[in-house]
């Protein structure tokens, strides 16, 4: 079974999710 972040999503492109996580990480730091 693949990790959730490797599962392709039509409604949520991985690049958008990655950028969102990156933005949240930058806010915390």
PDB file of N, CA and C in Angstrom:
ATOM      1  N   UNK A   1       0.846  -1.207   0.000  1.00  0.00           N
ATOM      2  CA  UNK A   1       0.000   0.000   0.000  1.00  0.00           C
ATOM      3  C   UNK A   1       0.877   1.251   0.000  1.00  0.00           C
ATOM      4  N   UNK A   2       0.560   2.165  -0.899  1.00  0.00           N
ATOM      5  CA  UNK A   2       1.363   3.387  -1.017  1.00  0.00           C
ATOM      6  C   UNK A   2       1.002   4.393   0.073  1.00  0.00           C
ATOM      7  N   UNK A   3       1.983   5.196   0.490  1.00  0.00           N
ATOM      8  CA  UNK A   3       1.716   6.278   1.448  1.00  0.00           C
ATOM      9  C   UNK A   3       0.686   7.255   0.868  1.00  0.00           C
ATOM     10  N   UNK A   4      -0.116   7.895   1.716  1.00  0.00           N
ATOM     11  CA  UNK A   4      -1.170   8.827   1.278  1.00  0.00           C
ATOM     12  C   UNK A   4      -0.658   9.914   0.345  1.00  0.00           C
ATOM     13  N   UNK A   5       0.569  10.408   0.593  1.00  0.00           N
ATOM     14  CA  UNK A   5       1.077  11.520  -0.211  1.00  0.00           C
ATOM     15  C   UNK A   5       1.513  11.058  -1.599  1.00  0.00           C
ATOM     16  N   UNK A   6       1.557   9.728  -1.813  1.00  0.00           N
ATOM     17  CA  UNK A   6       1.932   9.222  -3.129  1.00  0.00           C
ATOM     18  C   UNK A   6       0.709   8.812  -3.937  1.00  0.00           C
ATOM     19  N   UNK A   7      -0.443   8.844  -3.293  1.00  0.00           N
ATOM     20  CA  UNK A   7      -1.678   8.474  -3.980  1.00  0.00           C
ATOM     21  C   UNK A   7      -2.175   9.651  -4.816  1.00  0.00           C
ATOM     22  N   UNK A   8      -2.298   9.459  -6.134  1.00  0.00           N
ATOM     23  CA  UNK A   8      -2.750  10.530  -7.023  1.00  0.00           C
ATOM     24  C   UNK A   8      -4.195  10.934  -6.731  1.00  0.00           C
ATOM     25  N   UNK A   9      -4.440  12.213  -6.672  1.00  0.00           N
ATOM     26  CA  UNK A   9      -5.802  12.691  -6.428  1.00  0.00           C
ATOM     27  C   UNK A   9      -6.194  13.667  -7.527  1.00  0.00           C
ATOM     28  N   UNK A  10      -7.339  13.403  -8.156  1.00  0.00           N
ATOM     29  CA  UNK A  10      -7.797  14.253  -9.253  1.00  0.00           C
ATOM     30  C   UNK A  10      -8.213  15.630  -8.741  1.00  0.00           C
ATOM     31  N   UNK A  11      -8.900  15.644  -7.591  1.00  0.00           N
ATOM     32  CA  UNK A  11      -9.398  16.918  -7.067  1.00  0.00           C
ATOM     33  C   UNK A  11      -8.334  17.671  -6.275  1.00  0.00           C
ATOM     34  N   UNK A  12      -7.273  16.949  -5.872  1.00  0.00           N
ATOM     35  CA  UNK A  12      -6.213  17.605  -5.111  1.00  0.00           C
ATOM     36  C   UNK A  12      -4.841  17.196  -5.636  1.00  0.00           C
ATOM     37  N   UNK A  13      -4.316  17.939  -6.612  1.00  0.00           N
ATOM     38  CA  UNK A  13      -2.989  17.656  -7.166  1.00  0.00           C
ATOM     39  C   UNK A  13      -1.936  17.623  -6.069  1.00  0.00           C
ATOM     40  N   UNK A  14      -0.967  16.727  -6.184  1.00  0.00           N
ATOM     41  CA  UNK A  14       0.048  16.560  -5.131  1.00  0.00           C
ATOM     42  C   UNK A  14       0.869  17.833  -4.945  1.00  0.00           C
ATOM     43  N   UNK A  15       1.060  18.580  -6.043  1.00  0.00           N
ATOM     44  CA  UNK A  15       1.881  19.796  -5.951  1.00  0.00           C
ATOM     45  C   UNK A  15       1.208  20.821  -5.047  1.00  0.00           C
ATOM     46  N   UNK A  16      -0.123  20.908  -5.109  1.00  0.00           N
ATOM     47  CA  UNK A  16      -0.850  21.852  -4.260  1.00  0.00           C
ATOM     48  C   UNK A  16      -0.749  21.443  -2.800  1.00  0.00           C
ATOM     49  N   UNK A  17      -0.886  20.144  -2.561  1.00  0.00           N
ATOM     50  CA  UNK A  17      -0.793  19.640  -1.189  1.00  0.00           C
ATOM     51  C   UNK A  17       0.606  19.862  -0.635  1.00  0.00           C
ATOM     52  N   UNK A  18       1.610  19.637  -1.492  1.00  0.00           N
ATOM     53  CA  UNK A  18       3.000  19.811  -1.078  1.00  0.00           C
ATOM     54  C   UNK A  18       3.271  21.275  -0.734  1.00  0.00           C
ATOM     55  N   UNK A  19       2.768  22.168  -1.564  1.00  0.00           N
ATOM     56  CA  UNK A  19       2.970  23.603  -1.321  1.00  0.00           C
ATOM     57  C   UNK A  19       2.248  24.027  -0.044  1.00  0.00           C
ATOM     58  N   UNK A  20       1.081  23.436   0.196  1.00  0.00           N
ATOM     59  CA  UNK A  20       0.322  23.764   1.398  1.00  0.00           C
ATOM     60  C   UNK A  20       1.084  23.330   2.641  1.00  0.00           C
ATOM     61  N   UNK A  21       1.641  22.127   2.599  1.00  0.00           N
ATOM     62  CA  UNK A  21       2.419  21.635   3.737  1.00  0.00           C
ATOM     63  C   UNK A  21       3.662  22.480   3.931  1.00  0.00           C
ATOM     64  N   UNK A  22       4.283  22.879   2.833  1.00  0.00           N
ATOM     65  CA  UNK A  22       5.491  23.695   2.898  1.00  0.00           C
ATOM     66  C   UNK A  22       5.165  25.056   3.515  1.00  0.00           C
ATOM     67  N   UNK A  23       4.043  25.626   3.102  1.00  0.00           N
ATOM     68  CA  UNK A  23       3.629  26.921   3.631  1.00  0.00           C
ATOM     69  C   UNK A  23       3.357  26.834   5.134  1.00  0.00           C
ATOM     70  N   UNK A  24       2.704  25.762   5.560  1.00  0.00           N
ATOM     71  CA  UNK A  24       2.404  25.590   6.983  1.00  0.00           C
ATOM     72  C   UNK A  24       3.689  25.407   7.774  1.00  0.00           C
ATOM     73  N   UNK A  25       4.643  24.679   7.194  1.00  0.00           N
ATOM     74  CA  UNK A  25       5.915  24.449   7.863  1.00  0.00           C
ATOM     75  C   UNK A  25       6.667  25.766   8.032  1.00  0.00           C
ATOM     76  N   UNK A  26       6.606  26.616   7.003  1.00  0.00           N
ATOM     77  CA  UNK A  26       7.291  27.906   7.059  1.00  0.00           C
ATOM     78  C   UNK A  26       6.625  28.824   8.086  1.00  0.00           C
ATOM     79  N   UNK A  27       5.314  28.676   8.248  1.00  0.00           N
ATOM     80  CA  UNK A  27       4.608  29.500   9.237  1.00  0.00           C
ATOM     81  C   UNK A  27       5.021  29.111  10.654  1.00  0.00           C
ATOM     82  N   UNK A  28       5.253  27.821  10.862  1.00  0.00           N
ATOM     83  CA  UNK A  28       5.614  27.348  12.200  1.00  0.00           C
ATOM     84  C   UNK A  28       7.056  27.696  12.544  1.00  0.00           C
ATOM     85  N   UNK A  29       7.911  27.725  11.547  1.00  0.00           N
ATOM     86  CA  UNK A  29       9.334  27.970  11.801  1.00  0.00           C
ATOM     87  C   UNK A  29       9.630  29.446  12.031  1.00  0.00           C
TER      88      UNK A  29
END
